């Protein structure tokens, strides 16, 4: 299934609610599925990746380019440039992780460097 822009924005919205402890992760995943039809596993991955990005930590699950950039842009808008840079570091760490286990992700790395 192709991840649409509406799925990305909904996953971000519910990921922020999880971050703010307004909703449990499992409930957020279910809401994203019910509202957009996004696979629950993918919804959970996107929501979890956002948590790692906000914490500046490496994440393991892949996310498409559109979602990566959307998340970084909106983190900057909501939390400021410093949080955006921290999130970009998490994306760069994901790129290094993925390169070790599979292959280099040049397009994702380019997005990370753009926001560092």
C-alpha atoms as a PDB file:
ATOM      1  CA  UNK A   1       0.000   0.000   0.000  1.00  0.00           C
ATOM      2  CA  UNK A   2       1.251   3.448  -0.910  1.00  0.00           C
ATOM      3  CA  UNK A   3       1.521   5.798   2.049  1.00  0.00           C
ATOM      4  CA  UNK A   4      -0.488   8.923   1.196  1.00  0.00           C
ATOM      5  CA  UNK A   5      -0.030  12.476   2.438  1.00  0.00           C
ATOM      6  CA  UNK A   6      -3.194  12.178   4.519  1.00  0.00           C
ATOM      7  CA  UNK A   7      -1.786   9.049   6.195  1.00  0.00           C
ATOM      8  CA  UNK A   8       1.475  10.874   6.927  1.00  0.00           C
ATOM      9  CA  UNK A   9      -0.218  13.912   8.432  1.00  0.00           C
ATOM     10  CA  UNK A  10      -2.565  11.757  10.510  1.00  0.00           C
ATOM     11  CA  UNK A  11       0.337   9.633  11.815  1.00  0.00           C
ATOM     12  CA  UNK A  12       2.195  12.823  12.725  1.00  0.00           C
ATOM     13  CA  UNK A  13      -0.862  14.280  14.475  1.00  0.00           C
ATOM     14  CA  UNK A  14      -1.398  11.140  16.549  1.00  0.00           C
ATOM     15  CA  UNK A  15       2.332  10.734  17.146  1.00  0.00           C
ATOM     16  CA  UNK A  16       2.358  14.184  18.723  1.00  0.00           C
ATOM     17  CA  UNK A  17      -0.607  13.191  20.893  1.00  0.00           C
ATOM     18  CA  UNK A  18       1.368  10.147  22.053  1.00  0.00           C
ATOM     19  CA  UNK A  19       4.398  12.361  22.715  1.00  0.00           C
ATOM     20  CA  UNK A  20       2.246  14.679  24.822  1.00  0.00           C
ATOM     21  CA  UNK A  21       0.766  11.657  26.620  1.00  0.00           C
ATOM     22  CA  UNK A  22      -2.758  12.540  25.452  1.00  0.00           C
ATOM     23  CA  UNK A  23      -3.318   9.067  23.995  1.00  0.00           C
ATOM     24  CA  UNK A  24      -1.701   5.620  24.237  1.00  0.00           C
ATOM     25  CA  UNK A  25       0.363   4.412  21.299  1.00  0.00           C
ATOM     26  CA  UNK A  26      -1.924   1.468  20.577  1.00  0.00           C
ATOM     27  CA  UNK A  27      -4.973   3.752  20.525  1.00  0.00           C
ATOM     28  CA  UNK A  28      -3.164   6.224  18.265  1.00  0.00           C
ATOM     29  CA  UNK A  29      -2.235   3.441  15.849  1.00  0.00           C
ATOM     30  CA  UNK A  30      -5.869   2.307  15.742  1.00  0.00           C
ATOM     31  CA  UNK A  31      -7.087   5.866  15.110  1.00  0.00           C
ATOM     32  CA  UNK A  32      -4.679   6.343  12.207  1.00  0.00           C
ATOM     33  CA  UNK A  33      -5.896   3.056  10.730  1.00  0.00           C
ATOM     34  CA  UNK A  34      -9.574   3.941  11.181  1.00  0.00           C
ATOM     35  CA  UNK A  35      -9.184   7.456   9.793  1.00  0.00           C
ATOM     36  CA  UNK A  36      -6.915   6.717   6.836  1.00  0.00           C
ATOM     37  CA  UNK A  37      -6.768   2.973   6.219  1.00  0.00           C
ATOM     38  CA  UNK A  38      -3.012   2.972   6.853  1.00  0.00           C
ATOM     39  CA  UNK A  39      -1.794  -0.494   7.813  1.00  0.00           C
ATOM     40  CA  UNK A  40      -1.730  -0.625  11.644  1.00  0.00           C
ATOM     41  CA  UNK A  41       1.860  -1.905  11.643  1.00  0.00           C
ATOM     42  CA  UNK A  42       3.003   0.972   9.453  1.00  0.00           C
ATOM     43  CA  UNK A  43       1.017   3.453  11.539  1.00  0.00           C
ATOM     44  CA  UNK A  44       2.740   2.147  14.661  1.00  0.00           C
ATOM     45  CA  UNK A  45       6.148   2.409  12.996  1.00  0.00           C
ATOM     46  CA  UNK A  46       5.552   6.011  11.922  1.00  0.00           C
ATOM     47  CA  UNK A  47       4.247   7.000  15.360  1.00  0.00           C
ATOM     48  CA  UNK A  48       7.208   5.309  17.070  1.00  0.00           C
ATOM     49  CA  UNK A  49       9.701   6.846  14.638  1.00  0.00           C
ATOM     50  CA  UNK A  50       8.350  10.271  15.525  1.00  0.00           C
ATOM     51  CA  UNK A  51       8.990   9.541  19.216  1.00  0.00           C
ATOM     52  CA  UNK A  52      12.594   8.606  18.416  1.00  0.00           C
ATOM     53  CA  UNK A  53      13.036  11.677  16.228  1.00  0.00           C
ATOM     54  CA  UNK A  54      11.780  13.968  19.002  1.00  0.00           C
ATOM     55  CA  UNK A  55      14.199  12.266  21.418  1.00  0.00           C
ATOM     56  CA  UNK A  56      17.082  12.520  18.927  1.00  0.00           C
ATOM     57  CA  UNK A  57      17.529   8.745  18.938  1.00  0.00           C
ATOM     58  CA  UNK A  58      18.239   6.242  16.180  1.00  0.00           C
ATOM     59  CA  UNK A  59      15.195   4.376  14.968  1.00  0.00           C
ATOM     60  CA  UNK A  60      15.126   1.044  13.183  1.00  0.00           C
ATOM     61  CA  UNK A  61      11.961   1.036  11.045  1.00  0.00           C
ATOM     62  CA  UNK A  62      12.029   2.698   7.639  1.00  0.00           C
ATOM     63  CA  UNK A  63       9.788   5.539   6.634  1.00  0.00           C
ATOM     64  CA  UNK A  64       9.354   7.058   3.183  1.00  0.00           C
ATOM     65  CA  UNK A  65      10.974  10.313   2.052  1.00  0.00           C
ATOM     66  CA  UNK A  66       7.742  12.303   2.130  1.00  0.00           C
ATOM     67  CA  UNK A  67       7.041  11.303   5.729  1.00  0.00           C
ATOM     68  CA  UNK A  68      10.611  11.965   6.839  1.00  0.00           C
ATOM     69  CA  UNK A  69      10.554  15.464   5.421  1.00  0.00           C
ATOM     70  CA  UNK A  70       7.008  16.153   6.649  1.00  0.00           C
ATOM     71  CA  UNK A  71       7.975  15.126  10.176  1.00  0.00           C
ATOM     72  CA  UNK A  72      11.129  17.267  10.147  1.00  0.00           C
ATOM     73  CA  UNK A  73       9.310  20.331   8.805  1.00  0.00           C
ATOM     74  CA  UNK A  74       6.517  20.056  11.336  1.00  0.00           C
ATOM     75  CA  UNK A  75       8.856  19.348  14.253  1.00  0.00           C
ATOM     76  CA  UNK A  76      10.608  22.597  13.359  1.00  0.00           C
ATOM     77  CA  UNK A  77       7.326  24.486  13.188  1.00  0.00           C
ATOM     78  CA  UNK A  78       5.976  23.091  16.470  1.00  0.00           C
ATOM     79  CA  UNK A  79       9.107  22.745  18.575  1.00  0.00           C
ATOM     80  CA  UNK A  80      11.702  25.049  16.999  1.00  0.00           C
ATOM     81  CA  UNK A  81      14.936  24.768  15.089  1.00  0.00           C
ATOM     82  CA  UNK A  82      16.879  23.034  17.865  1.00  0.00           C
ATOM     83  CA  UNK A  83      14.315  20.217  18.067  1.00  0.00           C
ATOM     84  CA  UNK A  84      14.355  19.971  14.286  1.00  0.00           C
ATOM     85  CA  UNK A  85      18.138  19.579  14.272  1.00  0.00           C
ATOM     86  CA  UNK A  86      17.903  16.929  16.999  1.00  0.00           C
ATOM     87  CA  UNK A  87      15.320  15.058  14.923  1.00  0.00           C
ATOM     88  CA  UNK A  88      17.527  15.339  11.833  1.00  0.00           C
ATOM     89  CA  UNK A  89      20.344  13.742  13.836  1.00  0.00           C
ATOM     90  CA  UNK A  90      17.989  10.830  14.590  1.00  0.00           C
ATOM     91  CA  UNK A  91      17.281  10.491  10.869  1.00  0.00           C
ATOM     92  CA  UNK A  92      21.020  10.511  10.113  1.00  0.00           C
ATOM     93  CA  UNK A  93      21.522   7.819  12.773  1.00  0.00           C
ATOM     94  CA  UNK A  94      18.782   5.761  11.111  1.00  0.00           C
ATOM     95  CA  UNK A  95      20.568   6.100   7.760  1.00  0.00           C
ATOM     96  CA  UNK A  96      23.819   4.815   9.309  1.00  0.00           C
ATOM     97  CA  UNK A  97      21.962   1.947  11.013  1.00  0.00           C
ATOM     98  CA  UNK A  98      20.194   0.930   7.812  1.00  0.00           C
ATOM     99  CA  UNK A  99      23.441   1.080   5.838  1.00  0.00           C
ATOM    100  CA  UNK A 100      25.018  -1.386   8.281  1.00  0.00           C
ATOM    101  CA  UNK A 101      22.204  -3.910   7.910  1.00  0.00           C
ATOM    102  CA  UNK A 102      21.037  -3.414   4.332  1.00  0.00           C
ATOM    103  CA  UNK A 103      22.103  -0.489   2.145  1.00  0.00           C
ATOM    104  CA  UNK A 104      22.699   3.244   2.061  1.00  0.00           C
ATOM    105  CA  UNK A 105      19.615   5.495   1.841  1.00  0.00           C
ATOM    106  CA  UNK A 106      20.942   8.527  -0.067  1.00  0.00           C
ATOM    107  CA  UNK A 107      17.589  10.294  -0.427  1.00  0.00           C
ATOM    108  CA  UNK A 108      16.828  10.026   3.298  1.00  0.00           C
ATOM    109  CA  UNK A 109      20.381  11.108   4.150  1.00  0.00           C
ATOM    110  CA  UNK A 110      19.977  14.166   1.921  1.00  0.00           C
ATOM    111  CA  UNK A 111      16.830  15.135   3.869  1.00  0.00           C
ATOM    112  CA  UNK A 112      18.637  14.654   7.194  1.00  0.00           C
ATOM    113  CA  UNK A 113      21.543  16.855   6.086  1.00  0.00           C
ATOM    114  CA  UNK A 114      19.122  19.547   4.881  1.00  0.00           C
ATOM    115  CA  UNK A 115      17.686  19.979   8.396  1.00  0.00           C
ATOM    116  CA  UNK A 116      20.820  19.468  10.532  1.00  0.00           C
END
